[in-house]
Protein backbone atom coordinates (compact mmCIF):
# COMPACT_ATOMS: atom_id res chain seq x y z
CA MET A 1 21.21 105.27 147.64
CA ALA A 2 24.24 107.50 147.00
CA LEU A 3 26.59 104.54 147.41
CA MET A 4 24.55 102.45 144.98
CA LEU A 5 24.59 105.30 142.47
CA ARG A 6 28.36 105.64 142.70
CA ARG A 7 28.79 101.90 142.21
CA SER A 8 26.47 101.91 139.20
CA CYS A 9 28.28 104.82 137.56
CA LEU A 10 31.62 103.25 138.36
CA SER A 11 30.60 100.02 136.62
CA LEU A 12 29.84 101.90 133.40
CA PHE A 13 33.06 103.90 133.72
CA LEU A 14 34.89 100.57 133.86
CA VAL A 15 33.12 99.32 130.74
CA ALA A 16 34.28 102.43 128.90
CA PHE A 17 37.81 102.40 130.35
CA ALA A 18 38.23 98.69 129.57
CA ALA A 19 38.65 99.56 125.90
CA LEU A 20 41.26 102.26 126.37
CA PRO A 21 44.43 100.09 126.39
CA LEU A 22 43.52 98.76 122.97
CA TYR A 23 43.21 102.25 121.53
CA ALA A 24 46.93 102.91 121.90
CA GLU A 25 49.01 102.51 118.77
CA ASP A 26 50.95 99.26 118.77
CA PRO A 27 54.66 100.07 119.11
CA ALA A 28 55.56 96.82 117.35
CA VAL A 29 54.36 98.19 114.01
CA ASP A 30 57.42 99.12 111.94
CA PRO A 31 57.97 102.62 110.46
CA GLU A 32 57.65 101.35 106.89
CA PHE A 33 54.25 99.89 107.69
CA ASP A 34 53.14 103.15 109.28
CA ARG A 35 54.30 105.08 106.21
CA LEU A 36 52.33 102.90 103.83
CA PHE A 37 49.37 102.32 106.13
CA PRO A 38 49.06 105.36 108.43
CA SER A 39 46.85 104.93 111.49
CA THR A 40 46.68 108.57 112.59
CA GLY A 41 43.06 109.49 113.17
CA PHE A 42 41.94 105.85 113.20
CA GLU A 43 43.18 104.92 116.68
CA ASP A 44 39.71 104.71 118.23
CA ARG A 45 38.33 102.63 115.39
CA VAL A 46 41.34 100.30 115.45
CA GLY A 47 40.97 99.83 119.19
CA PHE A 48 37.29 99.03 118.85
CA TRP A 49 37.91 96.37 116.21
CA LYS A 50 40.71 94.81 118.21
CA MET A 51 38.14 94.33 120.98
CA ILE A 52 35.66 92.79 118.54
CA PHE A 53 38.34 90.46 117.14
CA THR A 54 39.96 89.37 120.42
CA ARG A 55 37.82 90.21 123.45
CA TYR A 56 34.17 89.58 122.60
CA GLY A 57 32.88 86.24 121.40
CA GLN A 58 29.98 85.17 119.24
CA ASP A 59 27.52 85.25 122.15
CA GLU A 60 28.39 88.86 123.02
CA VAL A 61 26.95 91.92 121.31
CA VAL A 62 28.47 95.37 121.79
CA VAL A 63 26.00 98.28 121.91
CA HIS A 64 27.86 101.37 120.69
CA ASP A 65 27.69 104.57 118.68
CA ARG A 66 27.87 104.05 114.93
CA GLU A 67 30.22 106.98 114.31
CA ASP A 68 32.17 107.47 117.55
CA LEU A 69 33.44 104.01 118.46
CA ARG A 70 34.69 105.25 121.83
CA LEU A 71 31.08 105.23 123.00
CA VAL A 72 30.45 101.67 124.15
CA TYR A 73 27.19 101.72 126.09
CA LYS A 74 26.77 98.08 126.98
CA VAL A 75 27.90 94.55 126.19
CA ILE A 76 25.06 92.04 125.99
CA ASN A 77 25.75 88.43 126.88
CA SER A 78 23.17 86.66 124.76
CA PRO A 79 22.18 83.17 125.94
CA TYR A 80 20.60 82.53 122.56
CA SER A 81 23.42 81.26 120.36
CA GLY A 82 21.54 78.72 118.25
CA THR A 83 20.45 79.16 114.64
CA ASP A 84 16.95 77.66 114.78
CA ARG A 85 14.03 80.03 114.21
CA ALA A 86 12.88 80.17 117.82
CA THR A 87 16.37 80.97 119.11
CA VAL A 88 16.96 83.62 116.45
CA ARG A 89 13.61 85.18 117.30
CA ARG A 90 14.45 85.33 121.01
CA ARG A 91 17.88 86.80 120.29
CA LYS A 92 16.41 89.51 118.06
CA ALA A 93 13.83 90.34 120.73
CA LEU A 94 16.55 90.69 123.38
CA LEU A 95 18.62 92.99 121.18
CA LYS A 96 15.61 95.09 120.21
CA THR A 97 14.64 95.50 123.86
CA THR A 98 18.16 96.67 124.71
CA VAL A 99 18.23 99.24 121.90
CA ASP A 100 14.72 100.46 122.76
CA GLU A 101 15.68 100.92 126.42
CA LEU A 102 18.78 102.92 125.49
CA ALA A 103 16.78 105.09 123.08
CA ARG A 104 14.18 105.68 125.78
CA THR A 105 16.93 106.76 128.18
CA PHE A 106 18.10 109.33 125.64
CA ASP A 107 14.49 110.54 125.20
CA GLU A 108 14.09 110.97 128.95
CA LEU A 109 17.32 112.93 129.18
CA ILE A 110 15.99 115.20 126.43
CA GLN A 111 12.73 115.70 128.34
CA LEU A 112 14.13 115.99 131.86
CA GLY A 113 17.53 117.53 131.26
CA PRO A 114 20.88 116.27 132.60
CA ASP A 115 20.50 118.02 135.98
CA SER A 116 17.02 116.83 136.89
CA ASP A 117 16.51 115.26 140.32
CA LYS A 118 14.22 112.70 138.65
CA LEU A 119 17.07 110.94 136.89
CA GLU A 120 17.58 107.25 137.66
CA PHE A 121 20.68 105.06 137.73
CA ARG A 122 20.59 104.35 133.98
CA HIS A 123 20.51 108.07 133.18
CA HIS A 124 23.58 108.73 135.31
CA GLU A 125 25.34 105.73 133.79
CA LEU A 126 24.79 107.06 130.31
CA LEU A 127 25.87 110.58 131.29
CA ALA A 128 29.06 109.10 132.77
CA VAL A 129 29.97 107.44 129.46
CA LEU A 130 29.35 110.67 127.55
CA LYS A 131 31.42 112.68 130.02
CA LEU A 132 34.30 110.24 129.70
CA ALA A 133 34.30 110.90 125.94
CA ASN A 134 34.12 114.70 126.51
CA TYR A 135 30.56 115.10 125.24
CA GLN A 136 28.47 118.02 126.46
CA PRO A 137 25.09 116.78 127.77
CA THR A 138 22.97 118.91 125.44
CA GLU A 139 19.64 118.16 123.83
CA ALA A 140 21.21 118.21 120.35
CA VAL A 141 23.84 115.67 121.42
CA PHE A 142 21.19 113.37 122.92
CA HIS A 143 19.13 113.53 119.71
CA ARG A 144 22.12 112.71 117.50
CA LEU A 145 23.42 109.86 119.63
CA LYS A 146 19.97 108.31 119.91
CA GLU A 147 19.89 107.93 116.12
CA ASN A 148 23.38 106.41 116.03
CA ILE A 149 22.87 103.36 118.26
CA HIS A 150 24.49 100.34 116.63
CA LEU A 151 25.03 96.66 117.48
CA GLN A 152 28.23 94.77 116.72
CA ARG A 153 28.61 91.08 117.46
CA GLY A 154 31.96 89.78 118.70
CA ILE A 155 33.92 87.37 116.51
CA LYS A 156 36.75 86.30 118.82
CA GLU A 157 36.33 82.59 118.05
CA LYS A 158 35.98 83.20 114.33
CA PHE A 159 39.07 85.41 114.20
CA ARG A 160 41.11 82.93 116.25
CA ASP A 161 40.15 80.08 113.91
CA GLY A 162 41.09 82.30 110.97
CA LEU A 163 44.55 82.85 112.42
CA VAL A 164 45.02 79.09 112.64
CA ARG A 165 43.87 78.49 109.06
CA SER A 166 45.94 81.35 107.67
CA GLY A 167 49.15 79.42 108.28
CA ARG A 168 48.40 77.09 105.36
CA TYR A 169 48.82 79.69 102.65
CA LEU A 170 50.48 82.81 104.09
CA PRO A 171 54.04 82.00 102.87
CA GLU A 172 52.86 81.42 99.30
CA LEU A 173 50.61 84.49 99.34
CA GLU A 174 53.47 86.62 100.64
CA ARG A 175 55.65 85.36 97.78
CA ILE A 176 52.96 86.30 95.23
CA PHE A 177 52.51 89.80 96.63
CA LYS A 178 56.26 90.33 96.93
CA ASP A 179 56.77 89.28 93.30
CA LYS A 180 54.27 91.97 92.31
CA SER A 181 56.11 94.55 94.48
CA LEU A 182 53.10 94.84 96.77
CA PRO A 183 53.34 95.27 100.57
CA THR A 184 53.14 91.78 102.04
CA HIS A 185 50.94 93.01 104.90
CA LEU A 186 48.11 93.00 102.37
CA VAL A 187 47.95 89.20 102.51
CA LEU A 188 46.31 89.63 105.92
CA LEU A 189 43.25 91.28 104.38
CA PRO A 190 41.28 87.98 104.41
CA HIS A 191 41.16 88.23 108.21
CA VAL A 192 38.73 91.10 107.62
CA GLU A 193 36.98 89.70 104.57
CA SER A 194 36.36 86.13 105.67
CA SER A 195 38.48 85.10 108.67
CA PHE A 196 40.39 82.93 106.17
CA ASP A 197 37.30 80.75 105.67
CA TYR A 198 38.07 78.94 102.43
CA ALA A 199 34.40 78.10 101.81
CA ALA A 200 33.01 81.54 102.71
CA TYR A 201 30.11 82.92 100.68
CA SER A 202 28.51 86.30 101.36
CA HIS A 203 24.85 87.19 100.86
CA LYS A 204 26.02 89.32 97.93
CA GLY A 205 27.61 86.33 96.20
CA ALA A 206 31.26 87.02 97.03
CA ALA A 207 33.27 83.84 97.60
CA GLY A 208 36.45 82.51 99.18
CA ILE A 209 38.89 84.04 101.63
CA TRP A 210 39.30 87.08 99.37
CA GLN A 211 35.52 87.51 98.91
CA ILE A 212 35.69 88.16 95.19
CA THR A 213 32.35 88.67 93.46
CA ARG A 214 31.37 86.65 90.42
CA GLY A 215 31.35 89.71 88.16
CA THR A 216 34.82 90.83 89.21
CA GLY A 217 36.19 87.31 89.28
CA ARG A 218 35.19 86.48 85.71
CA ARG A 219 37.82 88.93 84.44
CA LEU A 220 40.64 87.12 86.24
CA LEU A 221 39.55 83.64 87.28
CA LYS A 222 37.82 80.51 86.07
CA ILE A 223 34.31 80.39 87.52
CA GLY A 224 31.94 77.63 86.51
CA ARG A 225 29.75 74.80 87.69
CA THR A 226 32.59 72.50 88.71
CA VAL A 227 35.51 74.89 89.20
CA ASP A 228 35.39 78.21 91.05
CA GLU A 229 38.88 79.61 91.47
CA ARG A 230 37.59 82.28 93.85
CA LEU A 231 37.59 79.47 96.43
CA HIS A 232 41.27 78.72 95.97
CA PRO A 233 43.37 81.00 98.22
CA ILE A 234 46.34 81.06 95.84
CA ARG A 235 44.54 81.67 92.54
CA ALA A 236 42.18 84.11 94.21
CA GLY A 237 45.17 85.71 95.94
CA GLU A 238 46.76 86.37 92.55
CA ALA A 239 43.52 88.01 91.42
CA ALA A 240 43.23 90.02 94.64
CA ALA A 241 46.79 91.27 94.17
CA GLU A 242 45.87 92.53 90.70
CA LEU A 243 42.74 94.24 92.03
CA LEU A 244 44.62 95.93 94.86
CA LEU A 245 47.39 97.05 92.51
CA ASP A 246 44.79 98.46 90.13
CA ASN A 247 43.12 100.30 93.01
CA TYR A 248 46.44 101.74 94.13
CA ARG A 249 47.37 102.94 90.65
CA ALA A 250 43.99 104.67 90.35
CA LEU A 251 43.80 106.19 93.84
CA GLY A 252 47.43 106.74 94.84
CA THR A 253 47.32 105.71 98.52
CA TRP A 254 46.97 102.38 100.27
CA PRO A 255 44.24 103.49 102.70
CA LEU A 256 42.08 104.43 99.71
CA ALA A 257 43.08 101.33 97.71
CA ILE A 258 42.20 99.01 100.60
CA THR A 259 38.86 100.71 101.16
CA ALA A 260 38.18 100.42 97.43
CA TYR A 261 38.61 96.65 97.74
CA ASN A 262 35.44 96.73 99.84
CA GLN A 263 33.61 99.68 98.27
CA GLY A 264 34.73 99.52 94.65
CA LYS A 265 37.33 101.57 92.82
CA TYR A 266 34.89 103.95 91.17
CA GLY A 267 33.03 104.62 94.40
CA MET A 268 36.27 105.67 96.07
CA LEU A 269 37.27 107.77 93.06
CA ARG A 270 34.02 109.71 93.54
CA ALA A 271 34.76 110.14 97.24
CA GLN A 272 38.32 111.22 96.46
CA ALA A 273 37.06 113.81 93.97
CA VAL A 274 34.98 115.41 96.73
CA HIS A 275 37.23 115.08 99.79
CA GLY A 276 40.76 114.49 98.52
CA ASN A 277 43.30 111.80 99.44
CA ASP A 278 42.75 111.78 103.22
CA LEU A 279 40.69 108.70 104.07
CA LYS A 280 39.96 110.07 107.55
CA ASN A 281 38.37 113.13 105.93
CA ILE A 282 36.32 110.87 103.66
CA VAL A 283 35.18 108.67 106.55
CA ASP A 284 34.13 111.69 108.60
CA ASN A 285 32.46 113.73 105.88
CA TYR A 286 31.58 111.77 102.75
CA GLN A 287 27.83 111.42 102.28
CA SER A 288 26.83 108.50 100.09
CA ARG A 289 24.04 105.96 100.19
CA ILE A 290 26.50 103.10 99.74
CA PHE A 291 29.39 104.37 101.87
CA GLY A 292 28.15 103.33 105.28
CA TYR A 293 29.36 101.52 108.38
CA ALA A 294 31.26 98.81 106.47
CA GLY A 295 33.13 101.23 104.23
CA GLN A 296 33.92 103.62 107.07
CA ASN A 297 35.50 100.84 109.12
CA PHE A 298 37.14 98.56 106.54
CA TYR A 299 40.59 100.17 106.68
CA ALA A 300 40.56 100.33 110.50
CA GLU A 301 39.61 96.64 110.60
CA PHE A 302 42.59 95.88 108.38
CA LEU A 303 44.95 97.80 110.69
CA ALA A 304 43.52 95.97 113.71
CA ALA A 305 43.86 92.59 111.99
CA VAL A 306 47.51 93.27 111.10
CA GLU A 307 48.37 94.22 114.69
CA ILE A 308 46.76 91.06 116.03
CA ALA A 309 48.19 88.72 113.39
CA LYS A 310 51.73 90.05 113.84
CA ASP A 311 51.53 89.60 117.61
CA HIS A 312 48.95 86.84 117.95
CA GLU A 313 50.65 85.28 120.99
CA LYS A 314 49.70 88.40 122.94
CA TYR A 315 46.00 87.97 122.22
CA PHE A 316 45.77 84.17 121.90
CA PRO A 317 48.71 82.81 123.96
CA THR A 318 48.32 79.10 123.15
CA LEU A 319 47.52 79.55 119.47
CA LYS A 320 49.42 77.56 116.83
CA LEU A 321 49.03 78.28 113.14
CA ASP A 322 48.47 75.46 110.67
CA ALA A 323 51.63 74.33 108.92
CA PRO A 324 52.07 75.71 105.38
CA LEU A 325 50.78 73.47 102.61
CA THR A 326 53.48 72.51 100.14
CA PHE A 327 52.21 71.30 96.81
CA GLU A 328 52.91 70.46 93.21
CA THR A 329 50.57 71.38 90.36
CA VAL A 330 49.28 69.32 87.46
CA THR A 331 46.96 70.36 84.63
CA LEU A 332 44.37 67.78 83.59
CA ASN A 333 44.52 66.57 79.98
CA LYS A 334 40.97 65.27 80.07
CA SER A 335 37.98 65.30 82.36
CA ALA A 336 38.02 62.94 85.34
CA SER A 337 35.98 62.16 88.43
CA VAL A 338 37.28 62.66 91.95
CA ARG A 339 37.38 58.91 92.38
CA THR A 340 39.57 58.54 89.30
CA LEU A 341 41.87 61.37 90.40
CA SER A 342 42.27 59.94 93.90
CA LYS A 343 43.25 56.58 92.49
CA LYS A 344 45.56 58.03 89.84
CA TYR A 345 47.47 60.27 92.24
CA ASN A 346 47.36 57.85 95.15
CA ILE A 347 45.73 60.24 97.64
CA ASN A 348 42.46 60.02 99.50
CA THR A 349 39.48 62.20 98.68
CA SER A 350 39.77 64.22 101.88
CA THR A 351 43.36 65.25 101.07
CA LEU A 352 42.43 66.04 97.49
CA LYS A 353 39.65 68.29 98.76
CA THR A 354 41.96 70.07 101.22
CA TYR A 355 44.43 70.92 98.48
CA ASN A 356 41.78 71.85 95.90
CA PRO A 357 39.08 74.01 97.49
CA HIS A 358 38.31 75.49 94.06
CA LEU A 359 36.46 72.31 93.06
CA THR A 360 32.79 72.98 93.77
CA PRO A 361 30.20 70.79 95.55
CA HIS A 362 29.09 69.54 92.12
CA VAL A 363 32.38 67.63 92.04
CA TRP A 364 32.32 66.31 95.60
CA ARG A 365 28.61 65.64 96.15
CA ARG A 366 27.23 65.03 92.68
CA ALA A 367 30.23 63.26 91.14
CA ALA A 368 30.51 65.79 88.31
CA ALA A 369 33.69 65.40 86.28
CA VAL A 370 36.54 67.85 86.74
CA PRO A 371 36.98 69.43 83.27
CA PRO A 372 40.18 69.36 81.19
CA GLY A 373 42.48 72.31 81.69
CA THR A 374 41.83 72.39 85.44
CA VAL A 375 44.94 72.95 87.54
CA LEU A 376 45.11 70.57 90.51
CA HIS A 377 47.29 70.96 93.57
CA LEU A 378 48.81 67.79 94.99
CA PRO A 379 50.87 67.22 98.14
CA ALA A 380 54.55 67.78 97.42
CA GLY A 381 56.71 64.66 97.29
CA GLY A 382 55.64 61.04 97.30
CA ALA A 383 53.75 59.02 94.75
CA ALA A 384 51.33 61.81 93.86
CA THR A 385 54.14 64.05 92.67
CA GLN A 386 55.74 61.29 90.60
CA VAL A 387 52.46 60.55 88.85
CA ALA A 388 51.87 64.26 88.33
CA GLU A 389 55.30 64.68 86.74
CA ASN A 390 54.68 61.77 84.40
CA SER A 391 51.22 62.98 83.39
CA LYS A 392 51.90 66.64 82.72
CA PRO A 393 50.62 67.71 79.31
CA GLU A 394 52.73 69.34 76.68
CA PRO A 395 53.35 73.02 77.44
CA ALA A 396 50.29 75.03 76.44
CA SER A 397 48.43 78.13 77.35
CA PRO A 398 46.81 77.48 80.75
CA LYS A 399 43.57 79.15 79.68
CA PRO A 400 41.42 78.70 76.56
CA GLN A 401 41.93 81.25 73.81
CA LEU A 402 38.76 83.31 73.71
CA PRO A 403 38.94 84.11 69.97
CA SER A 404 38.22 80.44 69.18
CA TYR A 405 34.81 80.74 70.83
CA THR A 406 31.53 81.74 69.18
CA LYS A 407 28.96 84.07 70.70
CA TYR A 408 25.28 83.16 70.34
CA LYS A 409 22.27 85.28 71.34
CA VAL A 410 19.35 83.24 72.66
CA ARG A 411 16.26 83.46 70.42
CA ARG A 412 12.59 82.78 71.06
CA GLY A 413 11.94 79.05 71.35
CA ASP A 414 15.57 78.17 72.13
CA THR A 415 16.49 75.71 74.86
CA LEU A 416 19.95 74.80 76.03
CA SER A 417 19.62 71.30 74.58
CA LYS A 418 18.53 72.69 71.18
CA ILE A 419 21.49 75.05 71.10
CA ALA A 420 23.83 72.21 72.11
CA ARG A 421 22.54 70.02 69.26
CA ARG A 422 22.80 72.90 66.78
CA PHE A 423 26.47 73.47 67.58
CA GLN A 424 27.23 69.78 68.23
CA VAL A 425 28.38 70.24 71.82
CA ARG A 426 27.23 68.79 75.12
CA VAL A 427 24.79 70.66 77.37
CA GLU A 428 27.27 70.24 80.22
CA GLN A 429 29.95 72.03 78.18
CA LEU A 430 27.66 75.00 77.62
CA MET A 431 26.78 75.16 81.31
CA GLU A 432 30.42 74.94 82.38
CA LEU A 433 31.70 77.50 79.90
CA ASN A 434 28.93 80.00 80.68
CA GLY A 435 28.97 79.50 84.44
CA ILE A 436 25.30 78.54 84.71
CA SER A 437 24.01 75.97 87.17
CA SER A 438 20.64 75.16 85.54
CA THR A 439 19.37 74.63 82.00
CA ARG A 440 17.17 77.72 82.17
CA ILE A 441 18.14 80.39 79.66
CA TYR A 442 16.59 83.73 78.74
CA LEU A 443 15.61 85.53 75.56
CA GLY A 444 18.49 87.75 74.49
CA GLN A 445 21.03 86.02 76.74
CA LEU A 446 24.52 85.92 75.18
CA LEU A 447 26.10 82.46 75.35
CA THR A 448 29.68 81.44 74.61
CA ILE A 449 29.84 78.41 72.30
CA PRO A 450 33.00 76.24 72.20
């Protein structure tokens, strides 16, 4: 019995100790980086996220404390990796059972006390993890930790694939950020936001590798039925650079500016007003309904992603990044279908899609025309470039001049087709210009009329 107990405790000690090497600060990070992006106080969080990004895969779920990421209680190997309803239901049941069992263990420690002779293996295992992290086994501690149980799924495969994809655009993104006098390490932020998934959409409506929301994007990008520049890494990268620069000017430090990219500038200004410039102090003490797990960890995730990306051979030895895409640009004089564009520029549809992720499914699946004024990217060199050079329009402003537009407030009895006839424009033009995907409009809605 005693031998079995020692082995059981030892196994949990090893689970906890397994994370420790990743908690150490990476010596490869240069002094300038550490000055701009200090990691002091975030070592444990950075180590945790390096494990999530490189050690645990999509079928593994880490059971841990929400606030103290040193406390890793268990790693679940879930056999249920499908997305059908039955599989999802079984996976949720397995995770719920695990959390319930851990909570029950805390309850029993509260009832029995840490020195009771009625404790079982699982109680001693849990006490061993707490001791390793220098926690006193008190009733108050057990109550608090019971309420902080959290599950985090591994994303090793997703992060690795993101590293591969990132090679396509990193050189151009670095040039953009450098031209704006921004730290080029910031171009690695999409590893946290989207794993460089060019088609990523969040449940909150954010899109592209930079996960820009529609509301924010409308100020800086073209977003419509056929073109959504949030999906183009370069155009969205230019917008992200402006957002980050704006955050930095308002908040004064990069840790706060980066966190504001996730939480919003004004939310972080409120936090700064209460707790000052120290992000660690904000993470530990700021109480807000919207500043939760994601906001508390966003900066640490960025630091972890930078360490991995700068030394990816260490974590993924056989990994090779995609070659950078080199391209020329052309602005369309008039609307055209994908089929017409492929023929005109002598490239297949697949290549055109690779170079122009900002064209929406309406273009690819429903054969909607790409509108005039759209900037296309074409492979550098070859016939496509020659055609592009010969078909460039006369120099003009790349974006429509807003003062030439009319604003119209929807009245009772209006339909989109009636409004289109009244102003002698096409319904499709109204939908494109106003970024709406159906003909449904609402009383009082403000429409832009070309």
